[in-house]
Amino acid sequence: MILSAIVEKLKRQSKDDFKGRQFEAWLIIQAVSWYLRYPLSYRDLEGMFLERGFEVDHSTINRWVLAYAPLIEKRLRRIATPQYLQRSL
């Protein structure tokens, strides 16, 4: 899956970015990706993770989005092909 490849690449490139976080990098990236990709609120994501057995507060997801969305977007642009960038604009 493309998300797992992104997670692995992010882990290798910057281990310090997720250092000291209570949750693993894949969970943070999943939450941020879902928020950016789909019309979901932070409370929707909180409920979705709770259904999957992860207790994450909506304000935590908000902080993740503010902190990691620019980082993820920057790295995705770096590894994305030009065709993908043209289609997404």
PDB file of N, CA and C in Angstrom:
ATOM      1  N   MET A   1       0.845  -1.186   0.000  1.00  0.00           N
ATOM      2  CA  MET A   1       0.000   0.000   0.000  1.00  0.00           C
ATOM      3  C   MET A   1       0.881   1.237   0.000  1.00  0.00           C
ATOM      4  N   ILE A   2       0.421   2.244  -0.639  1.00  0.00           N
ATOM      5  CA  ILE A   2       1.211   3.468  -0.807  1.00  0.00           C
ATOM      6  C   ILE A   2       1.469   4.154   0.534  1.00  0.00           C
ATOM      7  N   LEU A   3       0.495   4.100   1.455  1.00  0.00           N
ATOM      8  CA  LEU A   3       0.667   4.759   2.748  1.00  0.00           C
ATOM      9  C   LEU A   3       1.784   4.109   3.553  1.00  0.00           C
ATOM     10  N   SER A   4       1.857   2.788   3.527  1.00  0.00           N
ATOM     11  CA  SER A   4       2.917   2.114   4.281  1.00  0.00           C
ATOM     12  C   SER A   4       4.291   2.438   3.702  1.00  0.00           C
ATOM     13  N   ALA A   5       4.368   2.597   2.383  1.00  0.00           N
ATOM     14  CA  ALA A   5       5.637   2.980   1.766  1.00  0.00           C
ATOM     15  C   ALA A   5       6.042   4.384   2.198  1.00  0.00           C
ATOM     16  N   ILE A   6       5.064   5.276   2.273  1.00  0.00           N
ATOM     17  CA  ILE A   6       5.338   6.647   2.723  1.00  0.00           C
ATOM     18  C   ILE A   6       5.799   6.645   4.173  1.00  0.00           C
ATOM     19  N   VAL A   7       5.126   5.843   5.004  1.00  0.00           N
ATOM     20  CA  VAL A   7       5.504   5.768   6.423  1.00  0.00           C
ATOM     21  C   VAL A   7       6.942   5.289   6.556  1.00  0.00           C
ATOM     22  N   GLU A   8       7.289   4.228   5.824  1.00  0.00           N
ATOM     23  CA  GLU A   8       8.653   3.702   5.904  1.00  0.00           C
ATOM     24  C   GLU A   8       9.677   4.729   5.428  1.00  0.00           C
ATOM     25  N   LYS A   9       9.353   5.421   4.364  1.00  0.00           N
ATOM     26  CA  LYS A   9      10.275   6.443   3.838  1.00  0.00           C
ATOM     27  C   LYS A   9      10.429   7.585   4.845  1.00  0.00           C
ATOM     28  N   LEU A  10       9.310   8.015   5.446  1.00  0.00           N
ATOM     29  CA  LEU A  10       9.382   9.075   6.451  1.00  0.00           C
ATOM     30  C   LEU A  10      10.177   8.629   7.669  1.00  0.00           C
ATOM     31  N   LYS A  11      10.009   7.381   8.079  1.00  0.00           N
ATOM     32  CA  LYS A  11      10.757   6.880   9.233  1.00  0.00           C
ATOM     33  C   LYS A  11      12.256   6.902   8.963  1.00  0.00           C
ATOM     34  N   ARG A  12      12.635   6.475   7.766  1.00  0.00           N
ATOM     35  CA  ARG A  12      14.060   6.458   7.434  1.00  0.00           C
ATOM     36  C   ARG A  12      14.629   7.857   7.310  1.00  0.00           C
ATOM     37  N   GLN A  13      13.882   8.770   6.721  1.00  0.00           N
ATOM     38  CA  GLN A  13      14.398  10.114   6.460  1.00  0.00           C
ATOM     39  C   GLN A  13      14.499  10.958   7.723  1.00  0.00           C
ATOM     40  N   SER A  14      13.563  10.784   8.628  1.00  0.00           N
ATOM     41  CA  SER A  14      13.577  11.671   9.792  1.00  0.00           C
ATOM     42  C   SER A  14      13.024  10.979  11.019  1.00  0.00           C
ATOM     43  N   LYS A  15      13.882  10.258  11.687  1.00  0.00           N
ATOM     44  CA  LYS A  15      13.463   9.562  12.900  1.00  0.00           C
ATOM     45  C   LYS A  15      13.125  10.554  14.017  1.00  0.00           C
ATOM     46  N   ASP A  16      13.747  11.708  13.987  1.00  0.00           N
ATOM     47  CA  ASP A  16      13.526  12.693  15.038  1.00  0.00           C
ATOM     48  C   ASP A  16      12.159  13.382  14.932  1.00  0.00           C
ATOM     49  N   ASP A  17      11.540  13.361  13.756  1.00  0.00           N
ATOM     50  CA  ASP A  17      10.253  14.025  13.578  1.00  0.00           C
ATOM     51  C   ASP A  17       9.169  13.438  14.474  1.00  0.00           C
ATOM     52  N   PHE A  18       9.231  12.136  14.722  1.00  0.00           N
ATOM     53  CA  PHE A  18       8.215  11.469  15.528  1.00  0.00           C
ATOM     54  C   PHE A  18       8.735  11.082  16.910  1.00  0.00           C
ATOM     55  N   LYS A  19       9.911  11.553  17.240  1.00  0.00           N
ATOM     56  CA  LYS A  19      10.518  11.218  18.521  1.00  0.00           C
ATOM     57  C   LYS A  19       9.720  11.844  19.666  1.00  0.00           C
ATOM     58  N   GLY A  20       9.499  11.061  20.702  1.00  0.00           N
ATOM     59  CA  GLY A  20       8.801  11.549  21.877  1.00  0.00           C
ATOM     60  C   GLY A  20       7.286  11.546  21.758  1.00  0.00           C
ATOM     61  N   ARG A  21       6.766  11.019  20.689  1.00  0.00           N
ATOM     62  CA  ARG A  21       5.314  10.958  20.510  1.00  0.00           C
ATOM     63  C   ARG A  21       4.766   9.722  21.195  1.00  0.00           C
ATOM     64  N   GLN A  22       3.565   9.834  21.733  1.00  0.00           N
ATOM     65  CA  GLN A  22       2.922   8.726  22.413  1.00  0.00           C
ATOM     66  C   GLN A  22       2.478   7.653  21.416  1.00  0.00           C
ATOM     67  N   PHE A  23       2.128   8.075  20.216  1.00  0.00           N
ATOM     68  CA  PHE A  23       1.635   7.161  19.199  1.00  0.00           C
ATOM     69  C   PHE A  23       2.704   6.929  18.137  1.00  0.00           C
ATOM     70  N   GLU A  24       2.579   5.797  17.449  1.00  0.00           N
ATOM     71  CA  GLU A  24       3.543   5.458  16.410  1.00  0.00           C
ATOM     72  C   GLU A  24       3.340   6.329  15.177  1.00  0.00           C
ATOM     73  N   ALA A  25       4.385   6.396  14.372  1.00  0.00           N
ATOM     74  CA  ALA A  25       4.376   7.259  13.183  1.00  0.00           C
ATOM     75  C   ALA A  25       3.266   6.885  12.212  1.00  0.00           C
ATOM     76  N   TRP A  26       3.018   5.605  12.015  1.00  0.00           N
ATOM     77  CA  TRP A  26       1.995   5.191  11.044  1.00  0.00           C
ATOM     78  C   TRP A  26       0.621   5.701  11.436  1.00  0.00           C
ATOM     79  N   LEU A  27       0.320   5.738  12.737  1.00  0.00           N
ATOM     80  CA  LEU A  27      -0.983   6.209  13.203  1.00  0.00           C
ATOM     81  C   LEU A  27      -1.123   7.712  12.978  1.00  0.00           C
ATOM     82  N   ILE A  28      -0.080   8.443  13.238  1.00  0.00           N
ATOM     83  CA  ILE A  28      -0.089   9.886  13.017  1.00  0.00           C
ATOM     84  C   ILE A  28      -0.280  10.196  11.540  1.00  0.00           C
ATOM     85  N   ILE A  29       0.486   9.509  10.696  1.00  0.00           N
ATOM     86  CA  ILE A  29       0.386   9.748   9.257  1.00  0.00           C
ATOM     87  C   ILE A  29      -0.980   9.343   8.729  1.00  0.00           C
ATOM     88  N   GLN A  30      -1.530   8.248   9.253  1.00  0.00           N
ATOM     89  CA  GLN A  30      -2.867   7.820   8.835  1.00  0.00           C
ATOM     90  C   GLN A  30      -3.903   8.880   9.178  1.00  0.00           C
ATOM     91  N   ALA A  31      -3.861   9.408  10.383  1.00  0.00           N
ATOM     92  CA  ALA A  31      -4.823  10.428  10.806  1.00  0.00           C
ATOM     93  C   ALA A  31      -4.702  11.686   9.949  1.00  0.00           C
ATOM     94  N   VAL A  32      -3.501  12.142   9.739  1.00  0.00           N
ATOM     95  CA  VAL A  32      -3.280  13.352   8.943  1.00  0.00           C
ATOM     96  C   VAL A  32      -3.716  13.117   7.495  1.00  0.00           C
ATOM     97  N   SER A  33      -3.382  11.970   6.955  1.00  0.00           N
ATOM     98  CA  SER A  33      -3.754  11.657   5.574  1.00  0.00           C
ATOM     99  C   SER A  33      -5.270  11.619   5.401  1.00  0.00           C
ATOM    100  N   TRP A  34      -5.963  10.957   6.310  1.00  0.00           N
ATOM    101  CA  TRP A  34      -7.424  10.888   6.222  1.00  0.00           C
ATOM    102  C   TRP A  34      -8.038  12.271   6.351  1.00  0.00           C
ATOM    103  N   TYR A  35      -7.508  13.081   7.251  1.00  0.00           N
ATOM    104  CA  TYR A  35      -8.061  14.422   7.432  1.00  0.00           C
ATOM    105  C   TYR A  35      -7.887  15.268   6.174  1.00  0.00           C
ATOM    106  N   LEU A  36      -6.732  15.169   5.562  1.00  0.00           N
ATOM    107  CA  LEU A  36      -6.455  15.979   4.380  1.00  0.00           C
ATOM    108  C   LEU A  36      -7.169  15.454   3.134  1.00  0.00           C
ATOM    109  N   ARG A  37      -7.365  14.174   3.064  1.00  0.00           N
ATOM    110  CA  ARG A  37      -7.917  13.569   1.858  1.00  0.00           C
ATOM    111  C   ARG A  37      -9.440  13.534   1.826  1.00  0.00           C
ATOM    112  N   TYR A  38     -10.069  13.344   2.962  1.00  0.00           N
ATOM    113  CA  TYR A  38     -11.522  13.178   3.014  1.00  0.00           C
ATOM    114  C   TYR A  38     -12.157  14.291   3.852  1.00  0.00           C
ATOM    115  N   PRO A  39     -13.435  14.580   3.614  1.00  0.00           N
ATOM    116  CA  PRO A  39     -14.104  15.643   4.397  1.00  0.00           C
ATOM    117  C   PRO A  39     -14.520  15.132   5.779  1.00  0.00           C
ATOM    118  N   LEU A  40     -13.541  14.928   6.633  1.00  0.00           N
ATOM    119  CA  LEU A  40     -13.771  14.417   7.984  1.00  0.00           C
ATOM    120  C   LEU A  40     -13.389  15.482   9.009  1.00  0.00           C
ATOM    121  N   SER A  41     -14.123  15.505  10.098  1.00  0.00           N
ATOM    122  CA  SER A  41     -13.756  16.402  11.192  1.00  0.00           C
ATOM    123  C   SER A  41     -12.791  15.660  12.121  1.00  0.00           C
ATOM    124  N   TYR A  42     -12.195  16.402  13.029  1.00  0.00           N
ATOM    125  CA  TYR A  42     -11.308  15.786  14.003  1.00  0.00           C
ATOM    126  C   TYR A  42     -12.083  14.812  14.877  1.00  0.00           C
ATOM    127  N   ARG A  43     -13.323  15.149  15.201  1.00  0.00           N
ATOM    128  CA  ARG A  43     -14.155  14.246  16.005  1.00  0.00           C
ATOM    129  C   ARG A  43     -14.537  12.986  15.237  1.00  0.00           C
ATOM    130  N   ASP A  44     -14.733  13.114  13.926  1.00  0.00           N
ATOM    131  CA  ASP A  44     -14.976  11.921  13.098  1.00  0.00           C
ATOM    132  C   ASP A  44     -13.780  10.977  13.172  1.00  0.00           C
ATOM    133  N   LEU A  45     -12.586  11.535  13.029  1.00  0.00           N
ATOM    134  CA  LEU A  45     -11.374  10.724  13.101  1.00  0.00           C
ATOM    135  C   LEU A  45     -11.202  10.107  14.484  1.00  0.00           C
ATOM    136  N   GLU A  46     -11.523  10.869  15.512  1.00  0.00           N
ATOM    137  CA  GLU A  46     -11.450  10.350  16.870  1.00  0.00           C
ATOM    138  C   GLU A  46     -12.332   9.110  17.001  1.00  0.00           C
ATOM    139  N   GLY A  47     -13.550   9.189  16.477  1.00  0.00           N
ATOM    140  CA  GLY A  47     -14.471   8.055  16.523  1.00  0.00           C
ATOM    141  C   GLY A  47     -13.987   6.878  15.692  1.00  0.00           C
ATOM    142  N   MET A  48     -13.428   7.154  14.538  1.00  0.00           N
ATOM    143  CA  MET A  48     -12.918   6.081  13.677  1.00  0.00           C
ATOM    144  C   MET A  48     -11.776   5.327  14.354  1.00  0.00           C
ATOM    145  N   PHE A  49     -10.875   6.058  14.986  1.00  0.00           N
ATOM    146  CA  PHE A  49      -9.780   5.397  15.677  1.00  0.00           C
ATOM    147  C   PHE A  49     -10.264   4.652  16.916  1.00  0.00           C
ATOM    148  N   LEU A  50     -11.250   5.191  17.589  1.00  0.00           N
ATOM    149  CA  LEU A  50     -11.806   4.504  18.756  1.00  0.00           C
ATOM    150  C   LEU A  50     -12.426   3.176  18.350  1.00  0.00           C
ATOM    151  N   GLU A  51     -13.106   3.140  17.206  1.00  0.00           N
ATOM    152  CA  GLU A  51     -13.673   1.890  16.692  1.00  0.00           C
ATOM    153  C   GLU A  51     -12.581   0.863  16.400  1.00  0.00           C
ATOM    154  N   ARG A  52     -11.397   1.327  16.096  1.00  0.00           N
ATOM    155  CA  ARG A  52     -10.280   0.435  15.776  1.00  0.00           C
ATOM    156  C   ARG A  52      -9.407   0.137  17.000  1.00  0.00           C
ATOM    157  N   GLY A  53      -9.810   0.644  18.148  1.00  0.00           N
ATOM    158  CA  GLY A  53      -9.094   0.332  19.380  1.00  0.00           C
ATOM    159  C   GLY A  53      -8.011   1.306  19.783  1.00  0.00           C
ATOM    160  N   PHE A  54      -7.975   2.484  19.148  1.00  0.00           N
ATOM    161  CA  PHE A  54      -6.980   3.498  19.495  1.00  0.00           C
ATOM    162  C   PHE A  54      -7.696   4.703  20.079  1.00  0.00           C
ATOM    163  N   GLU A  55      -7.347   5.052  21.284  1.00  0.00           N
ATOM    164  CA  GLU A  55      -7.967   6.199  21.938  1.00  0.00           C
ATOM    165  C   GLU A  55      -7.110   7.436  21.675  1.00  0.00           C
ATOM    166  N   VAL A  56      -7.584   8.258  20.736  1.00  0.00           N
ATOM    167  CA  VAL A  56      -6.881   9.469  20.337  1.00  0.00           C
ATOM    168  C   VAL A  56      -7.870  10.620  20.443  1.00  0.00           C
ATOM    169  N   ASP A  57      -7.510  11.658  21.170  1.00  0.00           N
ATOM    170  CA  ASP A  57      -8.381  12.811  21.326  1.00  0.00           C
ATOM    171  C   ASP A  57      -8.368  13.668  20.057  1.00  0.00           C
ATOM    172  N   HIS A  58      -9.498  14.310  19.770  1.00  0.00           N
ATOM    173  CA  HIS A  58      -9.594  15.144  18.569  1.00  0.00           C
ATOM    174  C   HIS A  58      -8.614  16.312  18.599  1.00  0.00           C
ATOM    175  N   SER A  59      -8.313  16.830  19.768  1.00  0.00           N
ATOM    176  CA  SER A  59      -7.352  17.942  19.838  1.00  0.00           C
ATOM    177  C   SER A  59      -5.927  17.460  19.522  1.00  0.00           C
ATOM    178  N   THR A  60      -5.637  16.207  19.837  1.00  0.00           N
ATOM    179  CA  THR A  60      -4.339  15.632  19.472  1.00  0.00           C
ATOM    180  C   THR A  60      -4.220  15.516  17.962  1.00  0.00           C
ATOM    181  N   ILE A  61      -5.299  15.070  17.317  1.00  0.00           N
ATOM    182  CA  ILE A  61      -5.298  14.965  15.858  1.00  0.00           C
ATOM    183  C   ILE A  61      -5.118  16.346  15.238  1.00  0.00           C
ATOM    184  N   ASN A  62      -5.747  17.352  15.826  1.00  0.00           N
ATOM    185  CA  ASN A  62      -5.578  18.733  15.352  1.00  0.00           C
ATOM    186  C   ASN A  62      -4.108  19.140  15.409  1.00  0.00           C
ATOM    187  N   ARG A  63      -3.453  18.851  16.517  1.00  0.00           N
ATOM    188  CA  ARG A  63      -2.024  19.194  16.648  1.00  0.00           C
ATOM    189  C   ARG A  63      -1.173  18.434  15.633  1.00  0.00           C
ATOM    190  N   TRP A  64      -1.529  17.170  15.384  1.00  0.00           N
ATOM    191  CA  TRP A  64      -0.799  16.398  14.375  1.00  0.00           C
ATOM    192  C   TRP A  64      -0.942  17.024  13.002  1.00  0.00           C
ATOM    193  N   VAL A  65      -2.158  17.421  12.656  1.00  0.00           N
ATOM    194  CA  VAL A  65      -2.386  18.021  11.341  1.00  0.00           C
ATOM    195  C   VAL A  65      -1.579  19.311  11.204  1.00  0.00           C
ATOM    196  N   LEU A  66      -1.614  20.138  12.230  1.00  0.00           N
ATOM    197  CA  LEU A  66      -0.862  21.396  12.177  1.00  0.00           C
ATOM    198  C   LEU A  66       0.643  21.158  12.087  1.00  0.00           C
ATOM    199  N   ALA A  67       1.125  20.132  12.766  1.00  0.00           N
ATOM    200  CA  ALA A  67       2.563  19.880  12.799  1.00  0.00           C
ATOM    201  C   ALA A  67       3.060  19.095  11.592  1.00  0.00           C
ATOM    202  N   TYR A  68       2.286  18.103  11.156  1.00  0.00           N
ATOM    203  CA  TYR A  68       2.810  17.163  10.163  1.00  0.00           C
ATOM    204  C   TYR A  68       2.261  17.337   8.759  1.00  0.00           C
ATOM    205  N   ALA A  69       1.175  18.031   8.557  1.00  0.00           N
ATOM    206  CA  ALA A  69       0.637  18.202   7.203  1.00  0.00           C
ATOM    207  C   ALA A  69       1.649  18.890   6.274  1.00  0.00           C
ATOM    208  N   PRO A  70       2.281  19.976   6.698  1.00  0.00           N
ATOM    209  CA  PRO A  70       3.272  20.592   5.804  1.00  0.00           C
ATOM    210  C   PRO A  70       4.463  19.672   5.523  1.00  0.00           C
ATOM    211  N   LEU A  71       4.894  18.924   6.530  1.00  0.00           N
ATOM    212  CA  LEU A  71       6.020  18.009   6.364  1.00  0.00           C
ATOM    213  C   LEU A  71       5.667  16.891   5.390  1.00  0.00           C
ATOM    214  N   ILE A  72       4.488  16.296   5.545  1.00  0.00           N
ATOM    215  CA  ILE A  72       4.054  15.216   4.666  1.00  0.00           C
ATOM    216  C   ILE A  72       3.881  15.730   3.245  1.00  0.00           C
ATOM    217  N   GLU A  73       3.261  16.885   3.106  1.00  0.00           N
ATOM    218  CA  GLU A  73       3.037  17.459   1.775  1.00  0.00           C
ATOM    219  C   GLU A  73       4.368  17.738   1.074  1.00  0.00           C
ATOM    220  N   LYS A  74       5.316  18.266   1.808  1.00  0.00           N
ATOM    221  CA  LYS A  74       6.624  18.578   1.236  1.00  0.00           C
ATOM    222  C   LYS A  74       7.324  17.307   0.766  1.00  0.00           C
ATOM    223  N   ARG A  75       7.284  16.269   1.564  1.00  0.00           N
ATOM    224  CA  ARG A  75       7.949  15.024   1.202  1.00  0.00           C
ATOM    225  C   ARG A  75       7.216  14.290   0.087  1.00  0.00           C
ATOM    226  N   LEU A  76       5.885  14.372   0.072  1.00  0.00           N
ATOM    227  CA  LEU A  76       5.134  13.747  -1.011  1.00  0.00           C
ATOM    228  C   LEU A  76       5.448  14.421  -2.333  1.00  0.00           C
ATOM    229  N   ARG A  77       5.561  15.720  -2.327  1.00  0.00           N
ATOM    230  CA  ARG A  77       5.899  16.449  -3.557  1.00  0.00           C
ATOM    231  C   ARG A  77       7.283  16.045  -4.066  1.00  0.00           C
ATOM    232  N   ARG A  78       8.193  15.773  -3.140  1.00  0.00           N
ATOM    233  CA  ARG A  78       9.550  15.401  -3.525  1.00  0.00           C
ATOM    234  C   ARG A  78       9.595  14.020  -4.181  1.00  0.00           C
ATOM    235  N   ILE A  79       8.762  13.077  -3.700  1.00  0.00           N
ATOM    236  CA  ILE A  79       8.811  11.715  -4.243  1.00  0.00           C
ATOM    237  C   ILE A  79       7.756  11.472  -5.317  1.00  0.00           C
ATOM    238  N   ALA A  80       6.834  12.401  -5.492  1.00  0.00           N
ATOM    239  CA  ALA A  80       5.766  12.224  -6.476  1.00  0.00           C
ATOM    240  C   ALA A  80       6.293  12.452  -7.888  1.00  0.00           C
ATOM    241  N   THR A  81       5.642  11.788  -8.829  1.00  0.00           N
ATOM    242  CA  THR A  81       6.009  11.985 -10.229  1.00  0.00           C
ATOM    243  C   THR A  81       5.346  13.257 -10.740  1.00  0.00           C
ATOM    244  N   PRO A  82       5.891  13.876 -11.758  1.00  0.00           N
ATOM    245  CA  PRO A  82       5.277  15.088 -12.312  1.00  0.00           C
ATOM    246  C   PRO A  82       3.849  14.857 -12.804  1.00  0.00           C
ATOM    247  N   GLN A  83       3.538  13.657 -13.345  1.00  0.00           N
ATOM    248  CA  GLN A  83       2.190  13.374 -13.810  1.00  0.00           C
ATOM    249  C   GLN A  83       1.205  13.421 -12.644  1.00  0.00           C
ATOM    250  N   TYR A  84       1.605  12.884 -11.501  1.00  0.00           N
ATOM    251  CA  TYR A  84       0.722  12.884 -10.334  1.00  0.00           C
ATOM    252  C   TYR A  84       0.449  14.322  -9.896  1.00  0.00           C
ATOM    253  N   LEU A  85       1.478  15.149  -9.887  1.00  0.00           N
ATOM    254  CA  LEU A  85       1.300  16.525  -9.460  1.00  0.00           C
ATOM    255  C   LEU A  85       0.393  17.281 -10.419  1.00  0.00           C
ATOM    256  N   GLN A  86       0.499  17.025 -11.692  1.00  0.00           N
ATOM    257  CA  GLN A  86      -0.346  17.712 -12.661  1.00  0.00           C
ATOM    258  C   GLN A  86      -1.802  17.291 -12.505  1.00  0.00           C
ATOM    259  N   ARG A  87      -2.057  16.006 -12.229  1.00  0.00           N
ATOM    260  CA  ARG A  87      -3.437  15.535 -12.064  1.00  0.00           C
ATOM    261  C   ARG A  87      -4.063  16.060 -10.786  1.00  0.00           C
ATOM    262  N   SER A  88      -3.267  16.235  -9.730  1.00  0.00           N
ATOM    263  CA  SER A  88      -3.835  16.650  -8.443  1.00  0.00           C
ATOM    264  C   SER A  88      -4.135  18.142  -8.394  1.00  0.00           C
ATOM    265  N   LEU A  89      -3.567  18.938  -9.292  1.00  0.00           N
ATOM    266  CA  LEU A  89      -3.795  20.390  -9.275  1.00  0.00           C
ATOM    267  C   LEU A  89      -5.017  20.773  -9.987  1.00  0.00           C
TER     268      LEU A  89
END
